[in-house]
Amino acid sequence: MGDLSQYTLPTTEEVFSDLVVYPAFDKDTKQPNPPPPSRGDSGQSGQSAQSGGSGDESGEDQ
């Protein structure tokens, strides 16, 4: 195999270009930030609900 150093992996920002990085702690007050707006939460909950539903359907088919 060749030298692995010739392969450069893309950065996280390049892979997840649409991902909004939300800091957990406020830079000024050093206090924990509240959760980000519900846009990310609704997306995640929707995906988990869909994946759970598909799992149930496959179980019923079997």
C-alpha atoms as a PDB file:
ATOM      1  CA  MET A   1       0.000   0.000   0.000  1.00  0.00           C
ATOM      2  CA  GLY A   2       1.068   3.572  -0.591  1.00  0.00           C
ATOM      3  CA  ASP A   3       1.815   6.226   1.957  1.00  0.00           C
ATOM      4  CA  LEU A   4      -1.387   7.117   3.750  1.00  0.00           C
ATOM      5  CA  SER A   5      -0.199  10.696   4.248  1.00  0.00           C
ATOM      6  CA  GLN A   6      -0.939  11.394   0.580  1.00  0.00           C
ATOM      7  CA  TYR A   7      -4.662  11.058   1.295  1.00  0.00           C
ATOM      8  CA  THR A   8      -6.186  14.138   2.906  1.00  0.00           C
ATOM      9  CA  LEU A   9      -9.547  13.625   4.521  1.00  0.00           C
ATOM     10  CA  PRO A  10     -12.119  16.423   4.230  1.00  0.00           C
ATOM     11  CA  THR A  11     -12.680  18.505   7.326  1.00  0.00           C
ATOM     12  CA  THR A  12     -15.863  18.232   9.349  1.00  0.00           C
ATOM     13  CA  GLU A  13     -16.959  21.607   8.001  1.00  0.00           C
ATOM     14  CA  GLU A  14     -16.583  20.349   4.428  1.00  0.00           C
ATOM     15  CA  VAL A  15     -18.507  17.138   5.038  1.00  0.00           C
ATOM     16  CA  PHE A  16     -21.275  18.746   7.092  1.00  0.00           C
ATOM     17  CA  SER A  17     -21.418  22.090   5.318  1.00  0.00           C
ATOM     18  CA  ASP A  18     -25.069  22.622   6.306  1.00  0.00           C
ATOM     19  CA  LEU A  19     -24.475  21.737   9.949  1.00  0.00           C
ATOM     20  CA  VAL A  20     -24.759  24.687  12.316  1.00  0.00           C
ATOM     21  CA  VAL A  21     -22.191  24.515  15.107  1.00  0.00           C
ATOM     22  CA  TYR A  22     -23.884  25.604  18.307  1.00  0.00           C
ATOM     23  CA  PRO A  23     -21.534  26.350  21.247  1.00  0.00           C
ATOM     24  CA  ALA A  24     -22.504  24.651  24.498  1.00  0.00           C
ATOM     25  CA  PHE A  25     -21.158  27.496  26.637  1.00  0.00           C
ATOM     26  CA  ASP A  26     -21.484  31.235  26.163  1.00  0.00           C
ATOM     27  CA  LYS A  27     -18.157  32.885  25.373  1.00  0.00           C
ATOM     28  CA  ASP A  28     -18.878  35.972  27.485  1.00  0.00           C
ATOM     29  CA  THR A  29     -20.731  34.687  30.539  1.00  0.00           C
ATOM     30  CA  LYS A  30     -19.208  31.150  30.555  1.00  0.00           C
ATOM     31  CA  GLN A  31     -22.710  29.918  31.341  1.00  0.00           C
ATOM     32  CA  PRO A  32     -24.261  26.894  29.577  1.00  0.00           C
ATOM     33  CA  ASN A  33     -26.295  27.916  26.559  1.00  0.00           C
ATOM     34  CA  PRO A  34     -29.907  26.787  26.207  1.00  0.00           C
ATOM     35  CA  PRO A  35     -30.581  24.202  23.493  1.00  0.00           C
ATOM     36  CA  PRO A  36     -30.525  25.491  19.902  1.00  0.00           C
ATOM     37  CA  PRO A  37     -33.762  26.462  18.148  1.00  0.00           C
ATOM     38  CA  SER A  38     -36.299  23.740  17.428  1.00  0.00           C
ATOM     39  CA  ARG A  39     -35.182  23.474  13.778  1.00  0.00           C
ATOM     40  CA  GLY A  40     -32.495  20.914  14.615  1.00  0.00           C
ATOM     41  CA  ASP A  41     -34.620  19.243  17.284  1.00  0.00           C
ATOM     42  CA  SER A  42     -37.588  18.741  14.953  1.00  0.00           C
ATOM     43  CA  GLY A  43     -35.308  17.326  12.258  1.00  0.00           C
ATOM     44  CA  GLN A  44     -33.715  14.832  14.608  1.00  0.00           C
ATOM     45  CA  SER A  45     -37.007  13.761  16.172  1.00  0.00           C
ATOM     46  CA  GLY A  46     -38.531  13.337  12.726  1.00  0.00           C
ATOM     47  CA  GLN A  47     -35.688  11.125  11.575  1.00  0.00           C
ATOM     48  CA  SER A  48     -35.810   8.975  14.713  1.00  0.00           C
ATOM     49  CA  ALA A  49     -39.571   8.593  14.393  1.00  0.00           C
ATOM     50  CA  GLN A  50     -39.256   7.545  10.752  1.00  0.00           C
ATOM     51  CA  SER A  51     -36.476   5.064  11.469  1.00  0.00           C
ATOM     52  CA  GLY A  52     -38.473   3.601  14.359  1.00  0.00           C
ATOM     53  CA  GLY A  53     -41.549   3.275  12.169  1.00  0.00           C
ATOM     54  CA  SER A  54     -39.637   1.495   9.426  1.00  0.00           C
ATOM     55  CA  GLY A  55     -38.200  -0.896  12.013  1.00  0.00           C
ATOM     56  CA  ASP A  56     -41.664  -1.763  13.280  1.00  0.00           C
ATOM     57  CA  GLU A  57     -42.942  -2.352   9.753  1.00  0.00           C
ATOM     58  CA  SER A  58     -40.091  -4.712   8.902  1.00  0.00           C
ATOM     59  CA  GLY A  59     -40.767  -6.641  12.116  1.00  0.00           C
ATOM     60  CA  GLU A  60     -44.431  -7.055  11.239  1.00  0.00           C
ATOM     61  CA  ASP A  61     -43.564  -8.292   7.748  1.00  0.00           C
ATOM     62  CA  GLN A  62     -41.387 -11.002   9.187  1.00  0.00           C
END
